[in-house]
Amino acid sequence: MEKKKKITLYIALAMLGVAAIVVIIALNVEKKDFFPEIPETTSDTTKMGEPKIITIEKDPEVDKRKAVRNSFQDHVSAEADGFNVSTFGGISGLKIKVRNTMAFGIDNIELQVRYMKAGGGVFKTETVYADNIKPNSSVVVDAPESSRGTEVKVNVVAVTSRALGLCYVSGKRGPDVEDPYLCN
């Protein structure tokens, strides 16, 4: 029985000690003596109380790339640049002209070419690629022939530009809502 009383006494003393420490900390926190004074700015200090203000300037080149990347659709286009339609339908000699009016080169572009029937509707779809399109220039690429069709529609499906940091895939966006076409 004597042993239980000793253990109870030790527990009571320990709890009393913890309570005393909590009271001391609480009193010192109210007086602000417990924690050292921290300047309100997160800048370097050369002398106590005199903050050194550091300004971070935005890189205008980064902002320019972001602006162009997010409006690249205004600068990149693809269209049929001439083809022959046979008497009973069918397309041959199809050339696709890809324009890049950006100040940045395009490494790769993927195009969807749809061959349209005379009465409307798509007869077939082909994929065409172009590589290494210089800044402010255009290229012409050959597209496959079609045994049917009287009209052609071309859509840009994907564009990559390492110089611009552009990775576009139709229908997909990156995690950054302000810069959705930035390569990860």
Protein backbone atom coordinates (compact mmCIF):
# COMPACT_ATOMS: atom_id res chain seq x y z
CA MET A 1 0.00 0.00 0.00
CA GLU A 2 2.87 2.30 0.81
CA LYS A 3 4.20 1.86 -2.76
CA LYS A 4 0.89 3.02 -4.34
CA LYS A 5 0.91 6.18 -2.21
CA LYS A 6 4.46 6.99 -3.34
CA ILE A 7 3.57 6.53 -7.03
CA THR A 8 0.46 8.70 -6.59
CA LEU A 9 2.57 11.35 -4.85
CA TYR A 10 5.16 11.32 -7.67
CA ILE A 11 2.44 11.66 -10.33
CA ALA A 12 0.85 14.54 -8.42
CA LEU A 13 4.23 16.31 -8.07
CA ALA A 14 4.97 15.80 -11.78
CA MET A 15 1.58 17.25 -12.76
CA LEU A 16 2.14 20.19 -10.41
CA GLY A 17 5.54 20.80 -12.04
CA VAL A 18 4.06 20.71 -15.55
CA ALA A 19 1.30 23.11 -14.50
CA ALA A 20 3.89 25.51 -13.06
CA ILE A 21 5.88 25.45 -16.32
CA VAL A 22 2.73 26.14 -18.36
CA VAL A 23 1.87 29.12 -16.13
CA ILE A 24 5.41 30.55 -16.44
CA ILE A 25 5.35 30.21 -20.24
CA ALA A 26 1.89 31.77 -20.46
CA LEU A 27 2.96 34.76 -18.37
CA ASN A 28 6.12 35.26 -20.41
CA VAL A 29 4.27 35.00 -23.73
CA GLU A 30 1.88 37.75 -22.62
CA LYS A 31 4.86 39.96 -21.72
CA LYS A 32 6.66 38.96 -24.95
CA ASP A 33 9.76 38.23 -22.90
CA PHE A 34 9.86 34.57 -23.71
CA PHE A 35 10.36 34.83 -27.48
CA PRO A 36 12.95 37.13 -29.06
CA GLU A 37 11.64 40.07 -31.11
CA ILE A 38 11.33 39.13 -34.79
CA PRO A 39 11.16 41.91 -37.39
CA GLU A 40 7.89 42.01 -39.34
CA THR A 41 9.72 41.77 -42.68
CA THR A 42 11.52 38.64 -43.76
CA SER A 43 14.54 40.50 -45.08
CA ASP A 44 18.18 40.52 -44.00
CA THR A 45 19.22 42.82 -41.20
CA THR A 46 22.56 44.51 -41.06
CA LYS A 47 21.91 46.05 -37.64
CA MET A 48 19.16 45.05 -35.29
CA GLY A 49 16.01 46.96 -36.08
CA GLU A 50 17.15 48.16 -39.52
CA PRO A 51 15.71 45.76 -42.11
CA LYS A 52 17.44 45.51 -45.44
CA ILE A 53 14.69 45.45 -48.06
CA ILE A 54 15.26 43.04 -50.90
CA THR A 55 13.18 43.46 -54.06
CA ILE A 56 12.73 40.63 -56.50
CA GLU A 57 12.32 41.82 -60.06
CA LYS A 58 10.39 39.79 -62.58
CA ASP A 59 12.32 38.65 -65.59
CA PRO A 60 10.67 40.34 -68.60
CA GLU A 61 11.87 37.53 -70.87
CA VAL A 62 10.01 34.96 -68.75
CA ASP A 63 6.85 37.09 -68.85
CA LYS A 64 7.19 37.49 -72.64
CA ARG A 65 7.51 33.73 -73.15
CA LYS A 66 4.51 33.08 -70.92
CA ALA A 67 2.40 35.60 -72.87
CA VAL A 68 3.37 34.10 -76.24
CA ARG A 69 2.92 30.54 -74.94
CA ASN A 70 -0.61 31.31 -73.78
CA SER A 71 -1.59 32.96 -77.07
CA PHE A 72 0.29 30.68 -79.44
CA GLN A 73 -2.97 29.84 -81.29
CA ASP A 74 -2.86 33.40 -82.66
CA HIS A 75 0.61 32.73 -84.11
CA VAL A 76 0.44 29.15 -85.39
CA SER A 77 -1.85 28.04 -88.18
CA ALA A 78 -2.21 25.28 -90.75
CA GLU A 79 -4.33 25.16 -93.90
CA ALA A 80 -4.65 23.34 -97.18
CA ASP A 81 -2.38 25.07 -99.69
CA GLY A 82 -3.74 23.54 -102.84
CA PHE A 83 -4.95 20.16 -104.02
CA ASN A 84 -6.69 18.53 -106.96
CA VAL A 85 -10.20 17.07 -106.85
CA SER A 86 -10.95 14.37 -109.41
CA THR A 87 -14.20 14.35 -111.41
CA PHE A 88 -15.91 11.76 -109.20
CA GLY A 89 -14.30 12.92 -105.95
CA GLY A 90 -10.94 12.12 -104.55
CA ILE A 91 -8.10 14.38 -103.48
CA SER A 92 -4.53 14.35 -104.75
CA GLY A 93 -1.54 16.67 -104.60
CA LEU A 94 -2.56 17.99 -101.17
CA LYS A 95 -0.11 20.42 -99.60
CA ILE A 96 -0.52 21.76 -96.06
CA LYS A 97 1.00 25.14 -95.24
CA VAL A 98 2.06 25.63 -91.62
CA ARG A 99 2.73 29.20 -90.46
CA ASN A 100 4.69 30.23 -87.38
CA THR A 101 4.55 34.00 -86.73
CA MET A 102 6.14 33.69 -83.28
CA ALA A 103 9.68 34.86 -82.50
CA PHE A 104 10.34 31.29 -81.31
CA GLY A 105 10.89 28.18 -83.40
CA ILE A 106 8.58 25.16 -83.36
CA ASP A 107 10.25 21.78 -82.90
CA ASN A 108 7.25 19.63 -83.85
CA ILE A 109 3.66 20.12 -84.89
CA GLU A 110 1.01 17.44 -85.35
CA LEU A 111 -1.88 18.14 -87.70
CA GLN A 112 -5.19 16.39 -88.22
CA VAL A 113 -6.29 16.37 -91.88
CA ARG A 114 -9.96 15.54 -92.48
CA TYR A 115 -11.12 14.64 -95.99
CA MET A 116 -14.72 15.78 -96.34
CA LYS A 117 -17.33 14.16 -98.60
CA ALA A 118 -19.34 16.23 -101.08
CA GLY A 119 -22.58 15.85 -99.13
CA GLY A 120 -20.88 16.67 -95.82
CA GLY A 121 -19.33 14.40 -93.27
CA VAL A 122 -15.83 13.08 -92.90
CA PHE A 123 -14.62 10.37 -95.28
CA LYS A 124 -11.32 9.78 -93.45
CA THR A 125 -8.80 11.44 -91.16
CA GLU A 126 -5.02 11.40 -91.52
CA THR A 127 -2.23 12.70 -89.28
CA VAL A 128 0.54 14.84 -90.74
CA TYR A 129 3.68 16.11 -88.98
CA ALA A 130 6.06 19.01 -89.55
CA ASP A 131 9.37 19.59 -87.77
CA ASN A 132 11.81 22.46 -87.20
CA ILE A 133 9.72 25.45 -88.24
CA LYS A 134 11.85 28.55 -87.82
CA PRO A 135 10.57 31.73 -86.13
CA ASN A 136 8.42 33.96 -88.37
CA SER A 137 8.34 31.48 -91.23
CA SER A 138 6.20 28.83 -92.87
CA VAL A 139 6.68 25.36 -94.30
CA VAL A 140 4.69 23.26 -96.73
CA VAL A 141 4.24 19.55 -96.11
CA ASP A 142 2.70 16.85 -98.30
CA ALA A 143 -0.45 15.06 -97.14
CA PRO A 144 -1.72 11.64 -98.26
CA GLU A 145 -4.14 11.30 -101.15
CA SER A 146 -7.74 10.21 -100.71
CA SER A 147 -9.93 8.15 -103.02
CA ARG A 148 -12.96 10.20 -101.94
CA GLY A 149 -13.57 13.72 -100.77
CA THR A 150 -14.01 17.17 -102.24
CA GLU A 151 -12.80 19.37 -99.39
CA VAL A 152 -10.08 19.32 -96.71
CA LYS A 153 -10.09 20.64 -93.13
CA VAL A 154 -6.89 20.93 -91.09
CA ASN A 155 -6.59 21.24 -87.30
CA VAL A 156 -3.53 21.70 -85.09
CA VAL A 157 -3.44 18.77 -82.64
CA ALA A 158 -0.09 19.23 -80.85
CA VAL A 159 2.80 21.74 -80.80
CA THR A 160 6.14 21.63 -79.01
CA SER A 161 8.75 24.38 -78.79
CA ARG A 162 11.73 23.96 -76.48
CA ALA A 163 12.74 27.61 -77.02
CA LEU A 164 9.33 28.76 -75.79
CA GLY A 165 8.75 25.99 -73.23
CA LEU A 166 5.53 25.16 -75.09
CA CYS A 167 3.90 21.73 -74.85
CA TYR A 168 0.40 21.86 -76.33
CA VAL A 169 -1.85 18.87 -76.88
CA SER A 170 -5.41 19.53 -77.99
CA GLY A 171 -7.89 19.07 -75.16
CA LYS A 172 -5.24 18.86 -72.42
CA ARG A 173 -3.94 21.49 -70.02
CA GLY A 174 -1.12 21.45 -67.52
CA PRO A 175 -1.56 21.93 -63.76
CA ASP A 176 -0.79 25.67 -63.77
CA VAL A 177 -4.06 27.45 -64.66
CA GLU A 178 -2.19 30.69 -65.46
CA ASP A 179 0.28 28.92 -67.75
CA PRO A 180 -1.41 25.68 -68.92
CA TYR A 181 0.90 24.99 -71.89
CA LEU A 182 4.19 25.25 -69.99
CA CYS A 183 6.25 22.07 -70.39
CA ASN A 184 6.69 20.17 -67.15
